[in-house]
Amino acid sequence: MLPPADVNPYSAIEVTVHGLVQGVGFRYFTQRNATRLGLVGWVRNLPDGNVQVYAEGRKFDLETLLKLLRQGPTYSSVTQVDVSWVTPKREAHGFRVVY
C-alpha cells in the first residue's frame, strides 16, 4: 500500500543562519549537502555576517538540510537558525552559491 500523497509534499524554506558562518566554507557545505539531498535553490553571504539559504524540495529532505545547517561545517559556530516555510517558486534549477 502506498502512503498518502501529502506525506512528503514539495515545499520550500527561507533560512538565515547566524554565528560564525562566513569564511569557514559554510556556503559550499550547504551547496554540497543540498545537492546530495536533491534540493534546488541557493545560498549566499549577507553583509551582516550571516548566511541566507533558499531551498526547495521534499519536506523530509528540507528538514534534513535544516539539521545539517544547525550543525554547520567543522570550523563554523552556529548560534541561531531562523526558518520560514514558504510556497515554492519552482524557478530554480540546481543548487548554487550566489555572490
PDB file of N, CA and C in Angstrom:
ATOM      1  N   MET A   1       0.838  -1.178   0.000  1.00  0.00           N
ATOM      2  CA  MET A   1       0.000   0.000   0.000  1.00  0.00           C
ATOM      3  C   MET A   1       0.885   1.245   0.000  1.00  0.00           C
ATOM      4  N   LEU A   2       0.564   2.206  -0.824  1.00  0.00           N
ATOM      5  CA  LEU A   2       1.327   3.444  -0.920  1.00  0.00           C
ATOM      6  C   LEU A   2       0.891   4.436   0.155  1.00  0.00           C
ATOM      7  N   PRO A   3       1.831   5.262   0.647  1.00  0.00           N
ATOM      8  CA  PRO A   3       1.452   6.293   1.626  1.00  0.00           C
ATOM      9  C   PRO A   3       0.628   7.374   0.949  1.00  0.00           C
ATOM     10  N   PRO A   4      -0.134   8.138   1.709  1.00  0.00           N
ATOM     11  CA  PRO A   4      -0.890   9.239   1.129  1.00  0.00           C
ATOM     12  C   PRO A   4       0.041  10.196   0.391  1.00  0.00           C
ATOM     13  N   ALA A   5      -0.449  10.855  -0.632  1.00  0.00           N
ATOM     14  CA  ALA A   5       0.362  11.722  -1.485  1.00  0.00           C
ATOM     15  C   ALA A   5       0.990  12.883  -0.725  1.00  0.00           C
ATOM     16  N   ASP A   6       0.376  13.343   0.347  1.00  0.00           N
ATOM     17  CA  ASP A   6       0.893  14.521   1.040  1.00  0.00           C
ATOM     18  C   ASP A   6       1.851  14.185   2.189  1.00  0.00           C
ATOM     19  N   VAL A   7       2.297  12.929   2.289  1.00  0.00           N
ATOM     20  CA  VAL A   7       3.205  12.539   3.361  1.00  0.00           C
ATOM     21  C   VAL A   7       4.522  13.300   3.242  1.00  0.00           C
ATOM     22  N   ASN A   8       5.000  13.496   2.031  1.00  0.00           N
ATOM     23  CA  ASN A   8       6.266  14.182   1.821  1.00  0.00           C
ATOM     24  C   ASN A   8       6.101  15.219   0.714  1.00  0.00           C
ATOM     25  N   PRO A   9       5.304  16.268   0.969  1.00  0.00           N
ATOM     26  CA  PRO A   9       4.989  17.234  -0.087  1.00  0.00           C
ATOM     27  C   PRO A   9       6.194  18.086  -0.476  1.00  0.00           C
ATOM     28  N   TYR A  10       6.121  18.641  -1.658  1.00  0.00           N
ATOM     29  CA  TYR A  10       7.136  19.566  -2.157  1.00  0.00           C
ATOM     30  C   TYR A  10       6.927  20.891  -1.434  1.00  0.00           C
ATOM     31  N   SER A  11       7.977  21.449  -0.898  1.00  0.00           N
ATOM     32  CA  SER A  11       7.875  22.679  -0.126  1.00  0.00           C
ATOM     33  C   SER A  11       9.125  23.517  -0.325  1.00  0.00           C
ATOM     34  N   ALA A  12       9.231  24.611   0.420  1.00  0.00           N
ATOM     35  CA  ALA A  12      10.401  25.483   0.340  1.00  0.00           C
ATOM     36  C   ALA A  12      10.657  26.137   1.689  1.00  0.00           C
ATOM     37  N   ILE A  13      11.921  26.480   1.919  1.00  0.00           N
ATOM     38  CA  ILE A  13      12.304  27.178   3.141  1.00  0.00           C
ATOM     39  C   ILE A  13      13.181  28.374   2.805  1.00  0.00           C
ATOM     40  N   GLU A  14      13.030  29.407   3.612  1.00  0.00           N
ATOM     41  CA  GLU A  14      13.944  30.543   3.610  1.00  0.00           C
ATOM     42  C   GLU A  14      14.600  30.529   4.979  1.00  0.00           C
ATOM     43  N   VAL A  15      15.927  30.546   5.010  1.00  0.00           N
ATOM     44  CA  VAL A  15      16.667  30.356   6.249  1.00  0.00           C
ATOM     45  C   VAL A  15      17.730  31.437   6.395  1.00  0.00           C
ATOM     46  N   THR A  16      17.884  31.940   7.607  1.00  0.00           N
ATOM     47  CA  THR A  16      19.030  32.782   7.947  1.00  0.00           C
ATOM     48  C   THR A  16      19.793  32.073   9.052  1.00  0.00           C
ATOM     49  N   VAL A  17      21.077  31.853   8.799  1.00  0.00           N
ATOM     50  CA  VAL A  17      21.935  31.169   9.761  1.00  0.00           C
ATOM     51  C   VAL A  17      22.856  32.210  10.394  1.00  0.00           C
ATOM     52  N   HIS A  18      22.845  32.271  11.731  1.00  0.00           N
ATOM     53  CA  HIS A  18      23.623  33.246  12.492  1.00  0.00           C
ATOM     54  C   HIS A  18      24.811  32.560  13.157  1.00  0.00           C
ATOM     55  N   GLY A  19      25.841  33.338  13.428  1.00  0.00           N
ATOM     56  CA  GLY A  19      27.011  32.827  14.144  1.00  0.00           C
ATOM     57  C   GLY A  19      28.260  33.042  13.313  1.00  0.00           C
ATOM     58  N   LEU A  20      29.277  32.228  13.571  1.00  0.00           N
ATOM     59  CA  LEU A  20      30.499  32.251  12.779  1.00  0.00           C
ATOM     60  C   LEU A  20      30.250  31.358  11.569  1.00  0.00           C
ATOM     61  N   VAL A  21      29.705  31.967  10.513  1.00  0.00           N
ATOM     62  CA  VAL A  21      29.279  31.190   9.352  1.00  0.00           C
ATOM     63  C   VAL A  21      29.846  31.727   8.035  1.00  0.00           C
ATOM     64  N   GLN A  22      30.693  32.732   8.101  1.00  0.00           N
ATOM     65  CA  GLN A  22      31.367  33.220   6.902  1.00  0.00           C
ATOM     66  C   GLN A  22      32.860  32.977   7.057  1.00  0.00           C
ATOM     67  N   GLY A  23      33.496  32.614   5.947  1.00  0.00           N
ATOM     68  CA  GLY A  23      34.926  32.342   5.976  1.00  0.00           C
ATOM     69  C   GLY A  23      35.280  30.965   6.502  1.00  0.00           C
ATOM     70  N   VAL A  24      34.276  30.089   6.618  1.00  0.00           N
ATOM     71  CA  VAL A  24      34.506  28.736   7.151  1.00  0.00           C
ATOM     72  C   VAL A  24      33.967  27.645   6.215  1.00  0.00           C
ATOM     73  N   GLY A  25      33.659  28.015   4.965  1.00  0.00           N
ATOM     74  CA  GLY A  25      33.158  27.040   3.995  1.00  0.00           C
ATOM     75  C   GLY A  25      31.681  26.728   4.130  1.00  0.00           C
ATOM     76  N   PHE A  26      30.937  27.587   4.796  1.00  0.00           N
ATOM     77  CA  PHE A  26      29.524  27.295   5.065  1.00  0.00           C
ATOM     78  C   PHE A  26      28.695  27.221   3.785  1.00  0.00           C
ATOM     79  N   ARG A  27      28.930  28.139   2.848  1.00  0.00           N
ATOM     80  CA  ARG A  27      28.139  28.131   1.609  1.00  0.00           C
ATOM     81  C   ARG A  27      28.371  26.842   0.822  1.00  0.00           C
ATOM     82  N   TYR A  28      29.616  26.397   0.735  1.00  0.00           N
ATOM     83  CA  TYR A  28      29.914  25.195  -0.038  1.00  0.00           C
ATOM     84  C   TYR A  28      29.436  23.941   0.683  1.00  0.00           C
ATOM     85  N   PHE A  29      29.488  23.957   1.997  1.00  0.00           N
ATOM     86  CA  PHE A  29      28.915  22.888   2.811  1.00  0.00           C
ATOM     87  C   PHE A  29      27.412  22.773   2.515  1.00  0.00           C
ATOM     88  N   THR A  30      26.738  23.921   2.470  1.00  0.00           N
ATOM     89  CA  THR A  30      25.301  23.948   2.199  1.00  0.00           C
ATOM     90  C   THR A  30      25.014  23.458   0.787  1.00  0.00           C
ATOM     91  N   GLN A  31      25.766  23.961  -0.186  1.00  0.00           N
ATOM     92  CA  GLN A  31      25.562  23.556  -1.580  1.00  0.00           C
ATOM     93  C   GLN A  31      25.766  22.051  -1.750  1.00  0.00           C
ATOM     94  N   ARG A  32      26.830  21.530  -1.186  1.00  0.00           N
ATOM     95  CA  ARG A  32      27.142  20.101  -1.308  1.00  0.00           C
ATOM     96  C   ARG A  32      26.022  19.242  -0.717  1.00  0.00           C
ATOM     97  N   ASN A  33      25.556  19.601   0.475  1.00  0.00           N
ATOM     98  CA  ASN A  33      24.511  18.803   1.126  1.00  0.00           C
ATOM     99  C   ASN A  33      23.159  18.962   0.452  1.00  0.00           C
ATOM    100  N   ALA A  34      22.820  20.173   0.036  1.00  0.00           N
ATOM    101  CA  ALA A  34      21.543  20.389  -0.660  1.00  0.00           C
ATOM    102  C   ALA A  34      21.511  19.612  -1.975  1.00  0.00           C
ATOM    103  N   THR A  35      22.612  19.622  -2.699  1.00  0.00           N
ATOM    104  CA  THR A  35      22.688  18.878  -3.963  1.00  0.00           C
ATOM    105  C   THR A  35      22.556  17.385  -3.706  1.00  0.00           C
ATOM    106  N   ARG A  36      23.238  16.897  -2.675  1.00  0.00           N
ATOM    107  CA  ARG A  36      23.162  15.472  -2.312  1.00  0.00           C
ATOM    108  C   ARG A  36      21.722  15.070  -1.972  1.00  0.00           C
ATOM    109  N   LEU A  37      20.968  15.992  -1.378  1.00  0.00           N
ATOM    110  CA  LEU A  37      19.579  15.713  -0.997  1.00  0.00           C
ATOM    111  C   LEU A  37      18.593  15.928  -2.149  1.00  0.00           C
ATOM    112  N   GLY A  38      19.079  16.401  -3.289  1.00  0.00           N
ATOM    113  CA  GLY A  38      18.213  16.625  -4.439  1.00  0.00           C
ATOM    114  C   GLY A  38      17.420  17.915  -4.353  1.00  0.00           C
ATOM    115  N   LEU A  39      17.886  18.865  -3.557  1.00  0.00           N
ATOM    116  CA  LEU A  39      17.189  20.144  -3.403  1.00  0.00           C
ATOM    117  C   LEU A  39      17.671  21.141  -4.456  1.00  0.00           C
ATOM    118  N   VAL A  40      16.849  22.139  -4.720  1.00  0.00           N
ATOM    119  CA  VAL A  40      17.237  23.227  -5.612  1.00  0.00           C
ATOM    120  C   VAL A  40      17.135  24.533  -4.836  1.00  0.00           C
ATOM    121  N   GLY A  41      17.902  25.543  -5.273  1.00  0.00           N
ATOM    122  CA  GLY A  41      17.858  26.838  -4.611  1.00  0.00           C
ATOM    123  C   GLY A  41      19.209  27.498  -4.611  1.00  0.00           C
ATOM    124  N   TRP A  42      19.494  28.235  -3.537  1.00  0.00           N
ATOM    125  CA  TRP A  42      20.749  28.989  -3.471  1.00  0.00           C
ATOM    126  C   TRP A  42      21.144  29.283  -2.029  1.00  0.00           C
ATOM    127  N   VAL A  43      22.400  29.697  -1.853  1.00  0.00           N
ATOM    128  CA  VAL A  43      22.944  30.120  -0.564  1.00  0.00           C
ATOM    129  C   VAL A  43      23.836  31.322  -0.828  1.00  0.00           C
ATOM    130  N   ARG A  44      23.820  32.294   0.104  1.00  0.00           N
ATOM    131  CA  ARG A  44      24.667  33.473  -0.062  1.00  0.00           C
ATOM    132  C   ARG A  44      25.038  34.065   1.295  1.00  0.00           C
ATOM    133  N   ASN A  45      26.169  34.775   1.296  1.00  0.00           N
ATOM    134  CA  ASN A  45      26.571  35.537   2.475  1.00  0.00           C
ATOM    135  C   ASN A  45      25.775  36.825   2.527  1.00  0.00           C
ATOM    136  N   LEU A  46      25.461  37.273   3.731  1.00  0.00           N
ATOM    137  CA  LEU A  46      24.790  38.554   3.934  1.00  0.00           C
ATOM    138  C   LEU A  46      25.797  39.566   4.486  1.00  0.00           C
ATOM    139  N   PRO A  47      25.579  40.848   4.233  1.00  0.00           N
ATOM    140  CA  PRO A  47      26.510  41.874   4.721  1.00  0.00           C
ATOM    141  C   PRO A  47      26.681  41.880   6.245  1.00  0.00           C
ATOM    142  N   ASP A  48      25.686  41.395   6.979  1.00  0.00           N
ATOM    143  CA  ASP A  48      25.763  41.416   8.451  1.00  0.00           C
ATOM    144  C   ASP A  48      26.535  40.229   9.044  1.00  0.00           C
ATOM    145  N   GLY A  49      27.113  39.382   8.185  1.00  0.00           N
ATOM    146  CA  GLY A  49      27.897  38.248   8.663  1.00  0.00           C
ATOM    147  C   GLY A  49      27.138  36.941   8.738  1.00  0.00           C
ATOM    148  N   ASN A  50      25.850  36.971   8.454  1.00  0.00           N
ATOM    149  CA  ASN A  50      25.034  35.765   8.452  1.00  0.00           C
ATOM    150  C   ASN A  50      25.004  35.139   7.067  1.00  0.00           C
ATOM    151  N   VAL A  51      24.380  33.987   6.954  1.00  0.00           N
ATOM    152  CA  VAL A  51      24.220  33.290   5.678  1.00  0.00           C
ATOM    153  C   VAL A  51      22.734  33.073   5.441  1.00  0.00           C
ATOM    154  N   GLN A  52      22.297  33.307   4.205  1.00  0.00           N
ATOM    155  CA  GLN A  52      20.897  33.126   3.826  1.00  0.00           C
ATOM    156  C   GLN A  52      20.791  31.956   2.857  1.00  0.00           C
ATOM    157  N   VAL A  53      19.748  31.147   3.045  1.00  0.00           N
ATOM    158  CA  VAL A  53      19.525  29.964   2.215  1.00  0.00           C
ATOM    159  C   VAL A  53      18.077  29.958   1.736  1.00  0.00           C
ATOM    160  N   TYR A  54      17.890  29.639   0.462  1.00  0.00           N
ATOM    161  CA  TYR A  54      16.554  29.363  -0.068  1.00  0.00           C
ATOM    162  C   TYR A  54      16.650  27.976  -0.696  1.00  0.00           C
ATOM    163  N   ALA A  55      15.766  27.063  -0.280  1.00  0.00           N
ATOM    164  CA  ALA A  55      15.806  25.698  -0.804  1.00  0.00           C
ATOM    165  C   ALA A  55      14.394  25.177  -1.039  1.00  0.00           C
ATOM    166  N   GLU A  56      14.264  24.392  -2.100  1.00  0.00           N
ATOM    167  CA  GLU A  56      13.002  23.739  -2.448  1.00  0.00           C
ATOM    168  C   GLU A  56      13.229  22.246  -2.594  1.00  0.00           C
ATOM    169  N   GLY A  57      12.204  21.495  -2.253  1.00  0.00           N
ATOM    170  CA  GLY A  57      12.274  20.052  -2.431  1.00  0.00           C
ATOM    171  C   GLY A  57      11.275  19.351  -1.541  1.00  0.00           C
ATOM    172  N   ARG A  58      11.495  18.054  -1.363  1.00  0.00           N
ATOM    173  CA  ARG A  58      10.615  17.284  -0.498  1.00  0.00           C
ATOM    174  C   ARG A  58      10.807  17.726   0.945  1.00  0.00           C
ATOM    175  N   LYS A  59       9.725  17.782   1.690  1.00  0.00           N
ATOM    176  CA  LYS A  59       9.773  18.276   3.068  1.00  0.00           C
ATOM    177  C   LYS A  59      10.786  17.512   3.923  1.00  0.00           C
ATOM    178  N   PHE A  60      10.835  16.207   3.786  1.00  0.00           N
ATOM    179  CA  PHE A  60      11.782  15.403   4.557  1.00  0.00           C
ATOM    180  C   PHE A  60      13.216  15.832   4.271  1.00  0.00           C
ATOM    181  N   ASP A  61      13.536  16.070   2.995  1.00  0.00           N
ATOM    182  CA  ASP A  61      14.887  16.471   2.614  1.00  0.00           C
ATOM    183  C   ASP A  61      15.204  17.880   3.117  1.00  0.00           C
ATOM    184  N   LEU A  62      14.221  18.764   3.113  1.00  0.00           N
ATOM    185  CA  LEU A  62      14.424  20.110   3.667  1.00  0.00           C
ATOM    186  C   LEU A  62      14.691  20.037   5.172  1.00  0.00           C
ATOM    187  N   GLU A  63      13.973  19.188   5.866  1.00  0.00           N
ATOM    188  CA  GLU A  63      14.199  19.017   7.303  1.00  0.00           C
ATOM    189  C   GLU A  63      15.594  18.451   7.579  1.00  0.00           C
ATOM    190  N   THR A  64      16.053  17.564   6.712  1.00  0.00           N
ATOM    191  CA  THR A  64      17.405  17.028   6.836  1.00  0.00           C
ATOM    192  C   THR A  64      18.428  18.140   6.634  1.00  0.00           C
ATOM    193  N   LEU A  65      18.221  18.986   5.631  1.00  0.00           N
ATOM    194  CA  LEU A  65      19.123  20.115   5.405  1.00  0.00           C
ATOM    195  C   LEU A  65      19.146  21.035   6.618  1.00  0.00           C
ATOM    196  N   LEU A  66      18.000  21.295   7.208  1.00  0.00           N
ATOM    197  CA  LEU A  66      17.952  22.156   8.393  1.00  0.00           C
ATOM    198  C   LEU A  66      18.794  21.588   9.535  1.00  0.00           C
ATOM    199  N   LYS A  67      18.745  20.288   9.734  1.00  0.00           N
ATOM    200  CA  LYS A  67      19.569  19.662  10.772  1.00  0.00           C
ATOM    201  C   LYS A  67      21.047  19.891  10.495  1.00  0.00           C
ATOM    202  N   LEU A  68      21.425  19.754   9.227  1.00  0.00           N
ATOM    203  CA  LEU A  68      22.816  19.969   8.850  1.00  0.00           C
ATOM    204  C   LEU A  68      23.224  21.432   9.018  1.00  0.00           C
ATOM    205  N   LEU A  69      22.319  22.354   8.666  1.00  0.00           N
ATOM    206  CA  LEU A  69      22.628  23.780   8.814  1.00  0.00           C
ATOM    207  C   LEU A  69      22.819  24.145  10.284  1.00  0.00           C
ATOM    208  N   ARG A  70      22.091  23.516  11.165  1.00  0.00           N
ATOM    209  CA  ARG A  70      22.222  23.798  12.605  1.00  0.00           C
ATOM    210  C   ARG A  70      23.581  23.334  13.138  1.00  0.00           C
ATOM    211  N   GLN A  71      24.166  22.322  12.491  1.00  0.00           N
ATOM    212  CA  GLN A  71      25.489  21.835  12.877  1.00  0.00           C
ATOM    213  C   GLN A  71      26.585  22.638  12.183  1.00  0.00           C
ATOM    214  N   GLY A  72      26.432  22.841  10.883  1.00  0.00           N
ATOM    215  CA  GLY A  72      27.427  23.554  10.093  1.00  0.00           C
ATOM    216  C   GLY A  72      28.681  22.736   9.865  1.00  0.00           C
ATOM    217  N   PRO A  73      29.590  23.269   9.040  1.00  0.00           N
ATOM    218  CA  PRO A  73      30.855  22.583   8.796  1.00  0.00           C
ATOM    219  C   PRO A  73      31.777  22.700  10.011  1.00  0.00           C
ATOM    220  N   THR A  74      32.895  22.025   9.961  1.00  0.00           N
ATOM    221  CA  THR A  74      33.812  21.883  11.089  1.00  0.00           C
ATOM    222  C   THR A  74      34.164  23.181  11.800  1.00  0.00           C
ATOM    223  N   TYR A  75      34.555  24.222  11.084  1.00  0.00           N
ATOM    224  CA  TYR A  75      35.056  25.433  11.729  1.00  0.00           C
ATOM    225  C   TYR A  75      33.992  26.495  11.971  1.00  0.00           C
ATOM    226  N   SER A  76      32.749  26.171  11.717  1.00  0.00           N
ATOM    227  CA  SER A  76      31.673  27.132  11.951  1.00  0.00           C
ATOM    228  C   SER A  76      31.184  27.024  13.395  1.00  0.00           C
ATOM    229  N   SER A  77      30.409  28.030  13.791  1.00  0.00           N
ATOM    230  CA  SER A  77      29.762  28.016  15.096  1.00  0.00           C
ATOM    231  C   SER A  77      28.385  28.646  14.922  1.00  0.00           C
ATOM    232  N   VAL A  78      27.377  27.811  14.751  1.00  0.00           N
ATOM    233  CA  VAL A  78      26.010  28.280  14.514  1.00  0.00           C
ATOM    234  C   VAL A  78      25.359  28.612  15.850  1.00  0.00           C
ATOM    235  N   THR A  79      24.860  29.837  15.965  1.00  0.00           N
ATOM    236  CA  THR A  79      24.212  30.255  17.207  1.00  0.00           C
ATOM    237  C   THR A  79      22.696  30.310  17.091  1.00  0.00           C
ATOM    238  N   GLN A  80      22.185  30.478  15.869  1.00  0.00           N
ATOM    239  CA  GLN A  80      20.734  30.590  15.677  1.00  0.00           C
ATOM    240  C   GLN A  80      20.404  30.291  14.223  1.00  0.00           C
ATOM    241  N   VAL A  81      19.264  29.651  13.996  1.00  0.00           N
ATOM    242  CA  VAL A  81      18.767  29.383  12.647  1.00  0.00           C
ATOM    243  C   VAL A  81      17.319  29.824  12.597  1.00  0.00           C
ATOM    244  N   ASP A  82      17.038  30.840  11.776  1.00  0.00           N
ATOM    245  CA  ASP A  82      15.669  31.322  11.579  1.00  0.00           C
ATOM    246  C   ASP A  82      15.115  30.682  10.315  1.00  0.00           C
ATOM    247  N   VAL A  83      13.943  30.047  10.423  1.00  0.00           N
ATOM    248  CA  VAL A  83      13.361  29.312   9.299  1.00  0.00           C
ATOM    249  C   VAL A  83      11.951  29.796   9.020  1.00  0.00           C
ATOM    250  N   SER A  84      11.664  30.016   7.750  1.00  0.00           N
ATOM    251  CA  SER A  84      10.293  30.288   7.301  1.00  0.00           C
ATOM    252  C   SER A  84       9.954  29.270   6.220  1.00  0.00           C
ATOM    253  N   TRP A  85       8.837  28.567   6.412  1.00  0.00           N
ATOM    254  CA  TRP A  85       8.336  27.661   5.372  1.00  0.00           C
ATOM    255  C   TRP A  85       7.499  28.501   4.427  1.00  0.00           C
ATOM    256  N   VAL A  86       7.818  28.444   3.144  1.00  0.00           N
ATOM    257  CA  VAL A  86       7.179  29.301   2.146  1.00  0.00           C
ATOM    258  C   VAL A  86       6.680  28.469   0.971  1.00  0.00           C
ATOM    259  N   THR A  87       5.876  29.099   0.140  1.00  0.00           N
ATOM    260  CA  THR A  87       5.395  28.450  -1.082  1.00  0.00           C
ATOM    261  C   THR A  87       6.544  28.363  -2.080  1.00  0.00           C
ATOM    262  N   PRO A  88       6.798  27.183  -2.637  1.00  0.00           N
ATOM    263  CA  PRO A  88       7.890  27.039  -3.605  1.00  0.00           C
ATOM    264  C   PRO A  88       7.660  27.906  -4.841  1.00  0.00           C
ATOM    265  N   LYS A  89       8.743  28.503  -5.338  1.00  0.00           N
ATOM    266  CA  LYS A  89       8.680  29.326  -6.552  1.00  0.00           C
ATOM    267  C   LYS A  89       8.794  28.459  -7.798  1.00  0.00           C
ATOM    268  N   ARG A  90       9.438  27.304  -7.650  1.00  0.00           N
ATOM    269  CA  ARG A  90       9.657  26.347  -8.749  1.00  0.00           C
ATOM    270  C   ARG A  90      10.351  27.001  -9.936  1.00  0.00           C
ATOM    271  N   GLU A  91      11.298  27.877  -9.651  1.00  0.00           N
ATOM    272  CA  GLU A  91      12.059  28.554 -10.701  1.00  0.00           C
ATOM    273  C   GLU A  91      13.518  28.099 -10.730  1.00  0.00           C
ATOM    274  N   ALA A  92      13.997  27.529  -9.637  1.00  0.00           N
ATOM    275  CA  ALA A  92      15.412  27.173  -9.519  1.00  0.00           C
ATOM    276  C   ALA A  92      15.703  25.844 -10.211  1.00  0.00           C
ATOM    277  N   HIS A  93      16.923  25.762 -10.727  1.00  0.00           N
ATOM    278  CA  HIS A  93      17.440  24.523 -11.311  1.00  0.00           C
ATOM    279  C   HIS A  93      18.808  24.304 -10.699  1.00  0.00           C
ATOM    280  N   GLY A  94      18.953  23.241  -9.931  1.00  0.00           N
ATOM    281  CA  GLY A  94      20.207  23.004  -9.242  1.00  0.00           C
ATOM    282  C   GLY A  94      20.294  23.836  -7.981  1.00  0.00           C
ATOM    283  N   PHE A  95      21.402  23.697  -7.283  1.00  0.00           N
ATOM    284  CA  PHE A  95      21.615  24.464  -6.067  1.00  0.00           C
ATOM    285  C   PHE A  95      22.924  25.202  -6.221  1.00  0.00           C
ATOM    286  N   ARG A  96      22.899  26.529  -6.079  1.00  0.00           N
ATOM    287  CA  ARG A  96      24.094  27.318  -6.390  1.00  0.00           C
ATOM    288  C   ARG A  96      24.466  28.273  -5.267  1.00  0.00           C
ATOM    289  N   VAL A  97      25.727  28.658  -5.294  1.00  0.00           N
ATOM    290  CA  VAL A  97      26.232  29.697  -4.413  1.00  0.00           C
ATOM    291  C   VAL A  97      26.042  31.023  -5.142  1.00  0.00           C
ATOM    292  N   VAL A  98      25.395  31.966  -4.488  1.00  0.00           N
ATOM    293  CA  VAL A  98      25.151  33.289  -5.068  1.00  0.00           C
ATOM    294  C   VAL A  98      26.125  34.270  -4.452  1.00  0.00           C
ATOM    295  N   TYR A  99      26.706  35.111  -5.291  1.00  0.00           N
ATOM    296  CA  TYR A  99      27.656  36.117  -4.808  1.00  0.00           C
ATOM    297  C   TYR A  99      27.055  37.497  -4.861  1.00  0.00           C
TER     298      TYR A  99
END
